Structure formats: C-alpha cells, structure tokens
Amino acid sequence: MSEQHGELTSIKPARIAQELAKLSAARRNGELRPEVYDQRFAKIIHELRERRIDGGRAEVSAALKPLLDAGDITAAECDRLLTQLGMGG
C-alpha cells in the first residue's frame, strides 16, 4: 500500500479489503509463515494509521462483508482489522 511518495492520499475501504484478502489468501495457501503473516498484518495496520481512511466503520465493514461471506477472509481477520484500527465494537 505504500507506493506513493510525498503527501499521502486517503485509502478507500475497497483497497483495504483487497489488501486483507491478498494477505489472507497467502496465509491460507501456505505462502506465509504465521510470524510473517503477523508482520505483514501489522504493517498494513501501521500504514492505515498513517493515512486517512476514506470512510468510517460502516464503509470498511461494508467493503469487508462480501469477502467474509465468500470465505475470502475470516471473521477473526475482519475483527482484528477493525479493532486495531479503532473501529471495533
């Protein structure tokens, strides 16, 4: 997610969902060891905290819901993301 230099632009909820789905798929496919998965998850959270998210909890949850329903991400990943972004509840 950190491909831009200079002023950071806001992140759309769909992009957050896309990044989490890619990370989750890599974990499920055995491409990432658990500690590497945790490091990458933490990096995503760190980058999101540095940048403004273009939406609130409702928009991020709405972007994650289809992935959750399809099994592309787990409920634990969804909850962890929202909680670590201060959107849990």
N, C-alpha and C. Protein backbone atom coordinates (compact mmCIF):
# COMPACT_ATOMS: atom_id res chain seq x y z
N MET A 1 0.81 -1.19 0.00
CA MET A 1 0.00 0.00 0.00
C MET A 1 0.85 1.25 0.00
N SER A 2 2.15 1.13 0.18
CA SER A 2 2.98 2.31 0.32
C SER A 2 3.73 2.63 -0.97
N GLU A 3 3.01 2.79 -2.05
CA GLU A 3 3.68 3.03 -3.32
C GLU A 3 3.84 4.51 -3.65
N GLN A 4 3.26 5.41 -2.87
CA GLN A 4 3.34 6.82 -3.19
C GLN A 4 4.30 7.54 -2.27
N HIS A 5 4.89 8.62 -2.79
CA HIS A 5 5.79 9.45 -2.01
C HIS A 5 5.14 10.81 -1.84
N GLY A 6 5.64 11.58 -0.88
CA GLY A 6 5.08 12.92 -0.68
C GLY A 6 3.83 12.85 0.16
N GLU A 7 2.84 13.69 -0.17
CA GLU A 7 1.60 13.72 0.59
C GLU A 7 0.84 12.41 0.40
N LEU A 8 0.42 11.86 1.52
CA LEU A 8 -0.29 10.58 1.48
C LEU A 8 -1.75 10.81 1.18
N THR A 9 -2.28 10.02 0.28
CA THR A 9 -3.68 10.12 -0.07
C THR A 9 -4.49 9.19 0.82
N SER A 10 -5.78 9.45 0.91
CA SER A 10 -6.64 8.59 1.73
C SER A 10 -6.83 7.24 1.05
N ILE A 11 -7.11 6.26 1.86
CA ILE A 11 -7.29 4.88 1.39
C ILE A 11 -8.77 4.56 1.34
N LYS A 12 -9.22 4.05 0.23
CA LYS A 12 -10.61 3.64 0.06
C LYS A 12 -10.84 2.30 0.78
N PRO A 13 -12.01 2.11 1.37
CA PRO A 13 -12.32 0.84 2.04
C PRO A 13 -12.14 -0.38 1.11
N ALA A 14 -12.46 -0.23 -0.16
CA ALA A 14 -12.29 -1.35 -1.10
C ALA A 14 -10.82 -1.77 -1.20
N ARG A 15 -9.91 -0.81 -1.12
CA ARG A 15 -8.48 -1.12 -1.18
C ARG A 15 -8.04 -1.86 0.09
N ILE A 16 -8.59 -1.45 1.23
CA ILE A 16 -8.29 -2.14 2.48
C ILE A 16 -8.74 -3.59 2.38
N ALA A 17 -9.95 -3.81 1.89
CA ALA A 17 -10.48 -5.16 1.73
C ALA A 17 -9.62 -5.98 0.77
N GLN A 18 -9.20 -5.37 -0.32
CA GLN A 18 -8.36 -6.06 -1.31
C GLN A 18 -7.04 -6.50 -0.68
N GLU A 19 -6.40 -5.63 0.07
CA GLU A 19 -5.11 -5.97 0.70
C GLU A 19 -5.28 -7.07 1.74
N LEU A 20 -6.35 -7.01 2.53
CA LEU A 20 -6.59 -8.05 3.53
C LEU A 20 -6.89 -9.39 2.85
N ALA A 21 -7.63 -9.37 1.76
CA ALA A 21 -7.93 -10.61 1.03
C ALA A 21 -6.66 -11.24 0.46
N LYS A 22 -5.76 -10.41 -0.08
CA LYS A 22 -4.49 -10.93 -0.61
C LYS A 22 -3.66 -11.56 0.50
N LEU A 23 -3.60 -10.88 1.63
CA LEU A 23 -2.82 -11.38 2.76
C LEU A 23 -3.42 -12.69 3.28
N SER A 24 -4.73 -12.73 3.39
CA SER A 24 -5.42 -13.92 3.87
C SER A 24 -5.21 -15.10 2.92
N ALA A 25 -5.28 -14.85 1.63
CA ALA A 25 -5.06 -15.91 0.64
C ALA A 25 -3.65 -16.46 0.73
N ALA A 26 -2.67 -15.59 0.91
CA ALA A 26 -1.29 -16.04 1.03
C ALA A 26 -1.10 -16.91 2.27
N ARG A 27 -1.79 -16.55 3.35
CA ARG A 27 -1.72 -17.35 4.58
C ARG A 27 -2.37 -18.72 4.35
N ARG A 28 -3.55 -18.73 3.76
CA ARG A 28 -4.26 -20.00 3.52
C ARG A 28 -3.50 -20.91 2.57
N ASN A 29 -2.83 -20.34 1.58
CA ASN A 29 -2.09 -21.12 0.60
C ASN A 29 -0.73 -21.60 1.10
N GLY A 30 -0.39 -21.22 2.33
CA GLY A 30 0.88 -21.65 2.90
C GLY A 30 2.07 -20.85 2.41
N GLU A 31 1.82 -19.72 1.76
CA GLU A 31 2.90 -18.88 1.24
C GLU A 31 3.58 -18.08 2.35
N LEU A 32 2.90 -17.91 3.48
CA LEU A 32 3.43 -17.12 4.58
C LEU A 32 3.45 -17.93 5.87
N ARG A 33 4.58 -17.90 6.55
CA ARG A 33 4.64 -18.49 7.88
C ARG A 33 3.84 -17.59 8.81
N PRO A 34 3.33 -18.14 9.92
CA PRO A 34 2.50 -17.33 10.83
C PRO A 34 3.15 -16.03 11.27
N GLU A 35 4.45 -16.06 11.56
CA GLU A 35 5.10 -14.83 12.02
C GLU A 35 5.23 -13.79 10.90
N VAL A 36 5.40 -14.24 9.67
CA VAL A 36 5.46 -13.32 8.54
C VAL A 36 4.08 -12.73 8.27
N TYR A 37 3.05 -13.56 8.38
CA TYR A 37 1.68 -13.08 8.24
C TYR A 37 1.40 -11.99 9.26
N ASP A 38 1.77 -12.23 10.52
CA ASP A 38 1.54 -11.24 11.58
C ASP A 38 2.31 -9.95 11.31
N GLN A 39 3.53 -10.06 10.80
CA GLN A 39 4.32 -8.87 10.47
C GLN A 39 3.66 -8.06 9.36
N ARG A 40 3.19 -8.75 8.34
CA ARG A 40 2.54 -8.04 7.23
C ARG A 40 1.21 -7.43 7.65
N PHE A 41 0.48 -8.13 8.50
CA PHE A 41 -0.78 -7.59 9.01
C PHE A 41 -0.49 -6.31 9.80
N ALA A 42 0.53 -6.35 10.64
CA ALA A 42 0.91 -5.18 11.44
C ALA A 42 1.34 -4.03 10.54
N LYS A 43 2.03 -4.34 9.45
CA LYS A 43 2.47 -3.29 8.52
C LYS A 43 1.26 -2.62 7.86
N ILE A 44 0.27 -3.41 7.49
CA ILE A 44 -0.95 -2.85 6.90
C ILE A 44 -1.62 -1.90 7.90
N ILE A 45 -1.74 -2.34 9.13
CA ILE A 45 -2.36 -1.51 10.17
C ILE A 45 -1.57 -0.22 10.35
N HIS A 46 -0.26 -0.33 10.42
CA HIS A 46 0.60 0.85 10.59
C HIS A 46 0.40 1.85 9.45
N GLU A 47 0.39 1.35 8.22
CA GLU A 47 0.21 2.23 7.07
C GLU A 47 -1.17 2.88 7.06
N LEU A 48 -2.18 2.12 7.47
CA LEU A 48 -3.53 2.69 7.51
C LEU A 48 -3.65 3.76 8.59
N ARG A 49 -2.94 3.58 9.68
CA ARG A 49 -2.97 4.60 10.74
C ARG A 49 -2.27 5.88 10.31
N GLU A 50 -1.26 5.74 9.45
CA GLU A 50 -0.55 6.92 8.96
C GLU A 50 -1.36 7.70 7.94
N ARG A 51 -2.25 7.02 7.27
CA ARG A 51 -3.04 7.65 6.21
C ARG A 51 -4.49 7.73 6.65
N ARG A 52 -5.22 8.62 6.03
CA ARG A 52 -6.64 8.76 6.34
C ARG A 52 -7.43 7.70 5.56
N ILE A 53 -8.35 7.07 6.24
CA ILE A 53 -9.23 6.10 5.58
C ILE A 53 -10.43 6.88 5.06
N ASP A 54 -10.75 6.66 3.81
CA ASP A 54 -11.86 7.36 3.17
C ASP A 54 -13.19 6.69 3.54
N GLY A 55 -13.55 6.82 4.80
CA GLY A 55 -14.78 6.22 5.30
C GLY A 55 -14.60 5.83 6.75
N GLY A 56 -15.69 5.43 7.35
CA GLY A 56 -15.68 5.00 8.74
C GLY A 56 -15.91 3.51 8.87
N ARG A 57 -16.31 3.11 10.05
CA ARG A 57 -16.53 1.70 10.34
C ARG A 57 -17.55 1.07 9.39
N ALA A 58 -18.64 1.78 9.14
CA ALA A 58 -19.69 1.24 8.27
C ALA A 58 -19.17 0.97 6.86
N GLU A 59 -18.39 1.89 6.32
CA GLU A 59 -17.88 1.72 4.95
C GLU A 59 -16.84 0.61 4.88
N VAL A 60 -15.97 0.54 5.89
CA VAL A 60 -14.95 -0.52 5.89
C VAL A 60 -15.64 -1.87 6.08
N SER A 61 -16.59 -1.95 7.00
CA SER A 61 -17.32 -3.20 7.21
C SER A 61 -18.07 -3.64 5.96
N ALA A 62 -18.67 -2.68 5.26
CA ALA A 62 -19.40 -2.99 4.02
C ALA A 62 -18.45 -3.53 2.95
N ALA A 63 -17.23 -3.01 2.90
CA ALA A 63 -16.25 -3.50 1.92
C ALA A 63 -15.75 -4.90 2.29
N LEU A 64 -15.69 -5.19 3.57
CA LEU A 64 -15.20 -6.50 4.03
C LEU A 64 -16.27 -7.58 3.98
N LYS A 65 -17.53 -7.21 4.10
CA LYS A 65 -18.62 -8.19 4.20
C LYS A 65 -18.67 -9.20 3.04
N PRO A 66 -18.58 -8.76 1.78
CA PRO A 66 -18.61 -9.77 0.70
C PRO A 66 -17.45 -10.76 0.79
N LEU A 67 -16.28 -10.29 1.22
CA LEU A 67 -15.13 -11.18 1.36
C LEU A 67 -15.34 -12.15 2.51
N LEU A 68 -15.93 -11.66 3.57
CA LEU A 68 -16.23 -12.51 4.72
C LEU A 68 -17.27 -13.56 4.35
N ASP A 69 -18.33 -13.13 3.67
CA ASP A 69 -19.39 -14.06 3.24
C ASP A 69 -18.88 -15.12 2.28
N ALA A 70 -17.92 -14.75 1.42
CA ALA A 70 -17.37 -15.70 0.44
C ALA A 70 -16.29 -16.59 1.03
N GLY A 71 -15.88 -16.30 2.26
CA GLY A 71 -14.81 -17.09 2.88
C GLY A 71 -13.42 -16.65 2.46
N ASP A 72 -13.31 -15.50 1.83
CA ASP A 72 -12.00 -14.99 1.40
C ASP A 72 -11.19 -14.45 2.58
N ILE A 73 -11.87 -14.01 3.62
CA ILE A 73 -11.23 -13.60 4.86
C ILE A 73 -12.01 -14.25 6.01
N THR A 74 -11.36 -14.38 7.14
CA THR A 74 -12.04 -14.98 8.29
C THR A 74 -12.66 -13.89 9.16
N ALA A 75 -13.59 -14.31 10.00
CA ALA A 75 -14.20 -13.37 10.94
C ALA A 75 -13.14 -12.81 11.89
N ALA A 76 -12.17 -13.65 12.26
CA ALA A 76 -11.10 -13.19 13.15
C ALA A 76 -10.26 -12.11 12.48
N GLU A 77 -9.97 -12.26 11.19
CA GLU A 77 -9.20 -11.24 10.47
C GLU A 77 -9.98 -9.94 10.38
N CYS A 78 -11.26 -10.05 10.09
CA CYS A 78 -12.12 -8.88 9.99
C CYS A 78 -12.18 -8.14 11.32
N ASP A 79 -12.42 -8.90 12.39
CA ASP A 79 -12.49 -8.30 13.73
C ASP A 79 -11.16 -7.68 14.13
N ARG A 80 -10.08 -8.38 13.84
CA ARG A 80 -8.74 -7.87 14.19
C ARG A 80 -8.46 -6.56 13.47
N LEU A 81 -8.77 -6.50 12.19
CA LEU A 81 -8.54 -5.28 11.42
C LEU A 81 -9.34 -4.12 12.00
N LEU A 82 -10.63 -4.34 12.20
CA LEU A 82 -11.48 -3.26 12.72
C LEU A 82 -11.04 -2.83 14.12
N THR A 83 -10.70 -3.78 14.96
CA THR A 83 -10.28 -3.46 16.32
C THR A 83 -8.97 -2.67 16.32
N GLN A 84 -8.00 -3.12 15.55
CA GLN A 84 -6.72 -2.45 15.54
C GLN A 84 -6.78 -1.08 14.88
N LEU A 85 -7.79 -0.84 14.09
CA LEU A 85 -7.98 0.49 13.50
C LEU A 85 -8.86 1.38 14.40
N GLY A 86 -9.26 0.84 15.54
CA GLY A 86 -10.10 1.61 16.45
C GLY A 86 -11.55 1.67 16.01
N MET A 87 -11.95 0.72 15.18
CA MET A 87 -13.31 0.68 14.65
C MET A 87 -14.11 -0.49 15.19
N GLY A 88 -13.52 -1.23 16.11
CA GLY A 88 -14.20 -2.40 16.67
C GLY A 88 -15.40 -1.99 17.51
N GLY A 89 -16.21 -2.95 17.79
CA GLY A 89 -17.33 -2.59 18.64
C GLY A 89 -18.38 -3.57 18.69
